Protein backbone atom coordinates (compact mmCIF):
# COMPACT_ATOMS: atom_id res chain seq x y z
CA UNK A 1 -25.39 -20.53 2.42
CA UNK A 2 -27.28 -18.44 4.85
CA UNK A 3 -27.09 -14.63 5.07
CA UNK A 4 -25.42 -15.25 8.52
CA UNK A 5 -22.91 -17.77 7.13
CA UNK A 6 -22.19 -15.56 4.14
CA UNK A 7 -21.37 -12.64 6.26
CA UNK A 8 -19.07 -14.53 8.57
CA UNK A 9 -17.16 -16.16 5.62
CA UNK A 10 -16.90 -12.75 3.91
CA UNK A 11 -15.42 -11.22 7.27
CA UNK A 12 -12.93 -14.11 7.35
CA UNK A 13 -11.90 -13.18 3.86
CA UNK A 14 -11.72 -9.46 4.52
CA UNK A 15 -8.11 -9.02 5.70
CA UNK A 16 -6.85 -11.07 2.63
CA UNK A 17 -8.82 -8.99 0.13
CA UNK A 18 -7.76 -5.85 1.66
CA UNK A 19 -4.21 -6.93 1.43
CA UNK A 20 -4.52 -7.88 -2.21
CA UNK A 21 -6.37 -4.70 -3.29
CA UNK A 22 -3.84 -2.73 -1.18
CA UNK A 23 -0.80 -4.16 -3.38
CA UNK A 24 -2.70 -3.59 -6.60
CA UNK A 25 -3.89 -0.10 -5.96
CA UNK A 26 -1.11 1.16 -3.53
CA UNK A 27 -3.67 2.89 -1.27
CA UNK A 28 -5.13 1.24 1.83
CA UNK A 29 -8.11 3.38 2.18
CA UNK A 30 -9.05 2.68 -1.40
CA UNK A 31 -8.36 -0.78 -0.95
CA UNK A 32 -11.00 -0.91 1.92
CA UNK A 33 -13.49 0.79 -0.31
CA UNK A 34 -12.94 -1.59 -2.94
CA UNK A 35 -13.44 -4.62 -0.63
CA UNK A 36 -16.66 -3.26 0.49
CA UNK A 37 -17.89 -2.93 -2.97
CA UNK A 38 -17.09 -6.62 -3.28
CA UNK A 39 -19.29 -7.32 -0.19
CA UNK A 40 -21.98 -5.43 -1.81
CA UNK A 41 -21.90 -7.28 -5.09
CA UNK A 42 -21.87 -10.66 -3.21
CA UNK A 43 -24.87 -9.37 -1.09
CA UNK A 44 -26.73 -8.88 -4.30
CA UNK A 45 -25.76 -11.75 -6.47
CA UNK A 46 -27.92 -14.81 -7.03
CA UNK A 47 -25.15 -16.89 -8.87
CA UNK A 48 -24.24 -20.28 -7.54
CA UNK A 49 -20.93 -19.79 -6.05
CA UNK A 50 -18.71 -23.12 -5.64
CA UNK A 51 -15.83 -21.41 -3.78
CA UNK A 52 -16.28 -17.89 -1.96
CA UNK A 53 -12.63 -17.05 -1.68
CA UNK A 54 -12.11 -17.62 -5.46
CA UNK A 55 -15.27 -15.68 -6.43
CA UNK A 56 -14.27 -12.66 -4.04
CA UNK A 57 -10.74 -12.67 -5.29
CA UNK A 58 -11.88 -12.41 -8.94
CA UNK A 59 -14.54 -9.64 -8.09
CA UNK A 60 -12.06 -7.71 -5.84
CA UNK A 61 -9.15 -7.77 -8.59
CA UNK A 62 -11.62 -6.65 -11.18
CA UNK A 63 -12.74 -3.82 -9.16
CA UNK A 64 -9.16 -2.74 -8.69
CA UNK A 65 -8.69 -2.87 -12.38
CA UNK A 66 -11.50 -0.64 -12.90
CA UNK A 67 -10.01 1.79 -10.48
CA UNK A 68 -6.82 1.56 -12.21
CA UNK A 69 -8.38 2.25 -15.87
CA UNK A 70 -10.10 5.30 -14.24
CA UNK A 71 -6.89 6.74 -13.14
CA UNK A 72 -5.12 6.87 -16.26
CA UNK A 73 -6.01 6.09 -20.10
CA UNK A 74 -5.26 2.75 -21.41
CA UNK A 75 -2.78 2.13 -24.02
CA UNK A 76 -4.38 1.04 -27.17
CA UNK A 77 -2.88 -2.40 -27.49
CA UNK A 78 -3.85 -2.82 -23.82
CA UNK A 79 -7.49 -1.98 -24.43
CA UNK A 80 -7.47 -4.14 -27.36
CA UNK A 81 -6.18 -7.32 -25.84
CA UNK A 82 -7.54 -7.03 -22.14
CA UNK A 83 -10.90 -5.12 -22.37
CA UNK A 84 -13.17 -6.99 -19.93
CA UNK A 85 -16.72 -6.96 -18.63
CA UNK A 86 -17.28 -6.95 -14.82
CA UNK A 87 -19.78 -9.83 -15.22
CA UNK A 88 -20.50 -12.08 -12.45
CA UNK A 89 -18.27 -15.18 -12.28
CA UNK A 90 -18.53 -18.24 -10.25
CA UNK A 91 -15.59 -19.55 -8.26
CA UNK A 92 -15.47 -22.97 -10.17
CA UNK A 93 -14.65 -21.39 -13.51
CA UNK A 94 -10.92 -21.92 -13.20
CA UNK A 95 -9.11 -25.19 -12.77
CA UNK A 96 -7.52 -23.69 -9.68
CA UNK A 97 -8.76 -21.95 -6.72
CA UNK A 98 -6.67 -18.61 -6.71
CA UNK A 99 -7.10 -18.28 -2.86
CA UNK A 100 -4.89 -21.23 -2.36
CA UNK A 101 -1.98 -19.33 -4.30
CA UNK A 102 -1.76 -16.37 -2.11
CA UNK A 103 1.60 -15.98 -0.59
CA UNK A 104 2.25 -12.43 0.73
CA UNK A 105 5.53 -10.88 -0.41
CA UNK A 106 7.41 -7.82 0.90
CA UNK A 107 8.73 -6.81 -2.42
CA UNK A 108 6.15 -4.18 -3.18
CA UNK A 109 7.44 -1.29 -1.12
CA UNK A 110 6.77 2.46 -1.38
CA UNK A 111 9.42 3.03 -4.03
CA UNK A 112 8.00 0.29 -6.18
CA UNK A 113 4.54 1.96 -5.98
CA UNK A 114 6.05 4.77 -7.79
CA UNK A 115 7.07 2.53 -10.83
CA UNK A 116 3.74 0.56 -10.61
CA UNK A 117 1.95 3.80 -11.57
CA UNK A 118 3.74 3.80 -14.96
CA UNK A 119 2.45 0.38 -15.81
CA UNK A 120 -0.83 -0.15 -17.87
CA UNK A 121 -3.54 -1.42 -15.55
CA UNK A 122 -3.42 -4.91 -17.00
CA UNK A 123 0.44 -4.91 -16.60
CA UNK A 124 0.05 -3.86 -13.02
CA UNK A 125 -2.67 -6.44 -12.09
CA UNK A 126 -0.77 -9.18 -13.78
CA UNK A 127 2.67 -8.28 -12.13
CA UNK A 128 1.31 -7.83 -8.51
CA UNK A 129 -0.98 -11.06 -8.70
CA UNK A 130 1.92 -13.16 -10.02
CA UNK A 131 5.02 -11.73 -8.31
CA UNK A 132 3.58 -10.71 -4.95
CA UNK A 133 0.99 -13.34 -4.39
CA UNK A 134 1.91 -16.18 -6.66
CA UNK A 135 -1.11 -16.51 -8.73
CA UNK A 136 -0.77 -18.89 -11.61
CA UNK A 137 -1.15 -17.06 -15.24
CA UNK A 138 -4.29 -19.30 -15.88
CA UNK A 139 -5.84 -17.58 -12.85
CA UNK A 140 -4.75 -14.15 -13.75
CA UNK A 141 -6.01 -14.73 -17.36
CA UNK A 142 -9.46 -15.31 -16.08
CA UNK A 143 -9.52 -12.05 -14.23
CA UNK A 144 -8.33 -10.03 -17.28
CA UNK A 145 -10.43 -12.10 -19.74
CA UNK A 146 -7.32 -12.80 -21.79
CA UNK A 147 -5.16 -16.02 -22.45
CA UNK A 148 -2.41 -17.52 -19.95
CA UNK A 149 0.20 -16.48 -22.71
CA UNK A 150 -1.03 -12.90 -22.80
CA UNK A 151 -1.12 -12.49 -19.12
CA UNK A 152 2.36 -13.91 -18.93
CA UNK A 153 3.46 -11.43 -21.47
CA UNK A 154 2.05 -8.55 -19.49
CA UNK A 155 3.76 -9.53 -16.24
CA UNK A 156 7.16 -9.93 -18.02
CA UNK A 157 6.64 -6.61 -19.70
CA UNK A 158 5.81 -4.92 -16.28
CA UNK A 159 8.85 -6.79 -14.68
CA UNK A 160 11.14 -5.37 -17.15
CA UNK A 161 9.94 -1.95 -16.39
CA UNK A 162 10.23 -2.34 -12.76
CA UNK A 163 13.62 -3.89 -12.96
CA UNK A 164 14.93 -0.86 -14.96
CA UNK A 165 13.22 2.20 -13.34
CA UNK A 166 13.42 5.64 -14.64
CA UNK A 167 15.71 7.97 -12.61
CA UNK A 168 12.63 10.10 -11.61
CA UNK A 169 10.91 6.95 -9.91
CA UNK A 170 13.19 7.48 -7.01
CA UNK A 171 11.16 8.91 -4.17
CA UNK A 172 12.13 12.40 -2.57
CA UNK A 173 12.99 12.39 1.17
CA UNK A 174 9.74 14.30 1.91
CA UNK A 175 7.70 11.69 0.19
CA UNK A 176 9.20 8.88 2.17
CA UNK A 177 8.70 10.73 5.46
CA UNK A 178 5.04 11.53 4.45
CA UNK A 179 4.35 7.91 3.37
CA UNK A 180 5.71 6.78 6.82
CA UNK A 181 3.46 9.11 8.79
CA UNK A 182 0.47 8.35 6.72
CA UNK A 183 0.93 4.71 7.27
CA UNK A 184 1.34 5.27 10.97
CA UNK A 185 -1.81 7.36 11.24
CA UNK A 186 -3.83 4.64 9.17
CA UNK A 187 -2.44 1.68 11.30
CA UNK A 188 -0.85 0.25 8.08
CA UNK A 189 1.61 -2.10 9.93
CA UNK A 190 2.67 -3.85 6.77
CA UNK A 191 3.21 -0.63 4.99
CA UNK A 192 5.27 0.68 7.90
CA UNK A 193 7.66 -2.52 7.71
CA UNK A 194 8.25 -1.80 4.10
CA UNK A 195 9.41 1.78 4.87
CA UNK A 196 11.61 0.89 7.51
CA UNK A 197 15.31 -0.44 7.20
CA UNK A 198 15.80 -3.70 8.98
CA UNK A 199 18.11 -2.11 11.59
CA UNK A 200 15.83 0.96 12.28
CA UNK A 201 16.10 2.53 15.46
CA UNK A 202 14.38 5.38 17.45
CA UNK A 203 16.38 7.82 19.52
CA UNK A 204 15.50 10.92 21.56
CA UNK A 205 17.28 14.00 22.95
CA UNK A 206 16.94 14.82 26.57
CA UNK A 207 14.16 17.30 26.13
CA UNK A 208 11.94 14.81 24.35
CA UNK A 209 12.54 12.16 27.14
CA UNK A 210 11.34 14.59 29.52
CA UNK A 211 8.13 15.20 27.90
CA UNK A 212 7.44 11.52 27.70
CA UNK A 213 8.91 10.05 24.57
CA UNK A 214 10.89 6.69 24.57
CA UNK A 215 14.58 7.10 25.11
CA UNK A 216 15.44 4.06 22.55
CA UNK A 217 13.61 1.66 20.35
CA UNK A 218 15.52 -0.88 18.32
CA UNK A 219 14.60 -2.90 15.26
CA UNK A 220 12.15 -2.72 12.38
CA UNK A 221 9.37 -4.58 13.94
CA UNK A 222 9.66 -2.49 17.34
CA UNK A 223 9.65 0.65 15.74
CA UNK A 224 6.56 -0.21 13.32
CA UNK A 225 4.69 -1.24 16.47
CA UNK A 226 5.10 1.74 18.18
CA UNK A 227 4.19 3.98 15.38
CA UNK A 228 1.25 1.77 14.16
CA UNK A 229 -1.93 3.69 14.70
CA UNK A 230 -0.28 6.72 16.30
CA UNK A 231 0.86 10.10 15.28
CA UNK A 232 -2.56 11.61 14.80
CA UNK A 233 -1.42 15.01 15.96
CA UNK A 234 1.78 15.08 13.87
CA UNK A 235 2.12 17.59 10.91
CA UNK A 236 4.56 17.82 8.00
CA UNK A 237 7.32 20.29 8.71
CA UNK A 238 10.87 21.15 7.76
CA UNK A 239 13.68 21.52 10.37
CA UNK A 240 16.09 23.50 8.76
CA UNK A 241 16.21 22.12 5.44
CA UNK A 242 15.28 18.58 6.29
CA UNK A 243 11.66 17.10 5.67
CA UNK A 244 10.32 15.98 9.02
CA UNK A 245 7.28 15.73 11.03
CA UNK A 246 6.30 17.11 14.45
CA UNK A 247 3.58 16.75 17.13
CA UNK A 248 1.68 20.07 17.65
CA UNK A 249 -0.18 21.08 20.79
CA UNK A 250 -2.27 24.23 20.80
CA UNK A 251 -0.82 25.25 17.72
CA UNK A 252 2.89 24.87 18.84
CA UNK A 253 5.41 22.13 17.78
CA UNK A 254 6.44 20.09 20.78
CA UNK A 255 8.45 17.39 19.70
CA UNK A 256 10.05 16.95 16.29
CA UNK A 257 10.31 13.59 14.33
CA UNK A 258 13.73 13.87 12.75
CA UNK A 259 14.13 11.27 10.00
CA UNK A 260 17.52 9.71 8.75
CA UNK A 261 16.93 7.91 5.52
CA UNK A 262 19.01 5.48 3.50
CA UNK A 263 18.10 4.37 0.06
CA UNK A 264 14.56 5.31 0.53
CA UNK A 265 14.04 3.60 3.84
CA UNK A 266 13.85 5.04 7.31
CA UNK A 267 17.02 4.28 9.17
CA UNK A 268 16.58 6.28 12.27
CA UNK A 269 13.81 8.58 13.69
CA UNK A 270 15.12 10.97 16.70
CA UNK A 271 12.64 12.73 18.89
CA UNK A 272 13.78 16.27 19.38
CA UNK A 273 12.20 18.84 21.78
CA UNK A 274 15.28 20.97 22.59
CA UNK A 275 14.33 24.81 22.17
CA UNK A 276 16.89 25.52 19.50
CA UNK A 277 15.50 22.52 17.37
CA UNK A 278 11.81 23.80 17.68
CA UNK A 279 12.90 27.12 16.68
CA UNK A 280 13.90 25.87 13.34
CA UNK A 281 10.41 24.07 12.63
CA UNK A 282 8.52 25.53 9.69
CA UNK A 283 5.31 23.84 8.49
CA UNK A 284 5.42 22.38 5.01
CA UNK A 285 2.98 20.92 2.29
CA UNK A 286 4.91 18.42 0.37
CA UNK A 287 8.09 19.82 -0.79
CA UNK A 288 7.04 23.26 -0.16
CA UNK A 289 7.26 25.68 2.84
CA UNK A 290 3.85 26.48 4.23
CA UNK A 291 3.93 29.89 6.00
């Protein structure tokens, strides 16, 4: 394959690889970085590649696994059973092409990522690849350098932890608000959808409408589309005791994004610009007031 053809083929695979890495790592920016690393490995390799999608899937997933291992120490049994080298692999080494088994799921939302952080790296990879993307355990075993039986056991163990999350895994309201605004700024449309309730709605008070906000937006897709890639000038605030966000201009809050949440999802966002509301705005950092 010529360099030009290889580049074109990689760019065609990039969105899928970023989606995969994003689900495994829970961070869109880090996912893009990992996929760029995969591209650099592709540019340097002299190996014969029978199936580029499968080769890129394996390399990208192994790079994600290395990132996860760097975040937290491995458990002893995880290290013993699933240590792997990041050796170059050819796409035909498995009986199946993992790219053929990718079926994006909406199951891994922001709340689940809190639970995923409690899994070992190998459990997390096995669970996400199988339950969110539909990969066969034989393929997952190849990525983890283990057996299909062990890969199935890893996914089962992870599934049990996810099904019975600890009480502390529930996200605080401010975490949901901040995750939503981060996804808006980053243009992460899929993440916005996971954070919104199906019947999500945007409303506005009279003062906000007068400064140019929409009066009403209905439905998860429409709300996500409106915020996608927007809100770059918004900062984290409290409105009274409620975590919110606000658009600032010249150091002054001009419009508040007042969130109504239900079970960890955004049910309603109300744009508020009434003077009495703006008077309640206090900057915050996470859960703390920032004076």
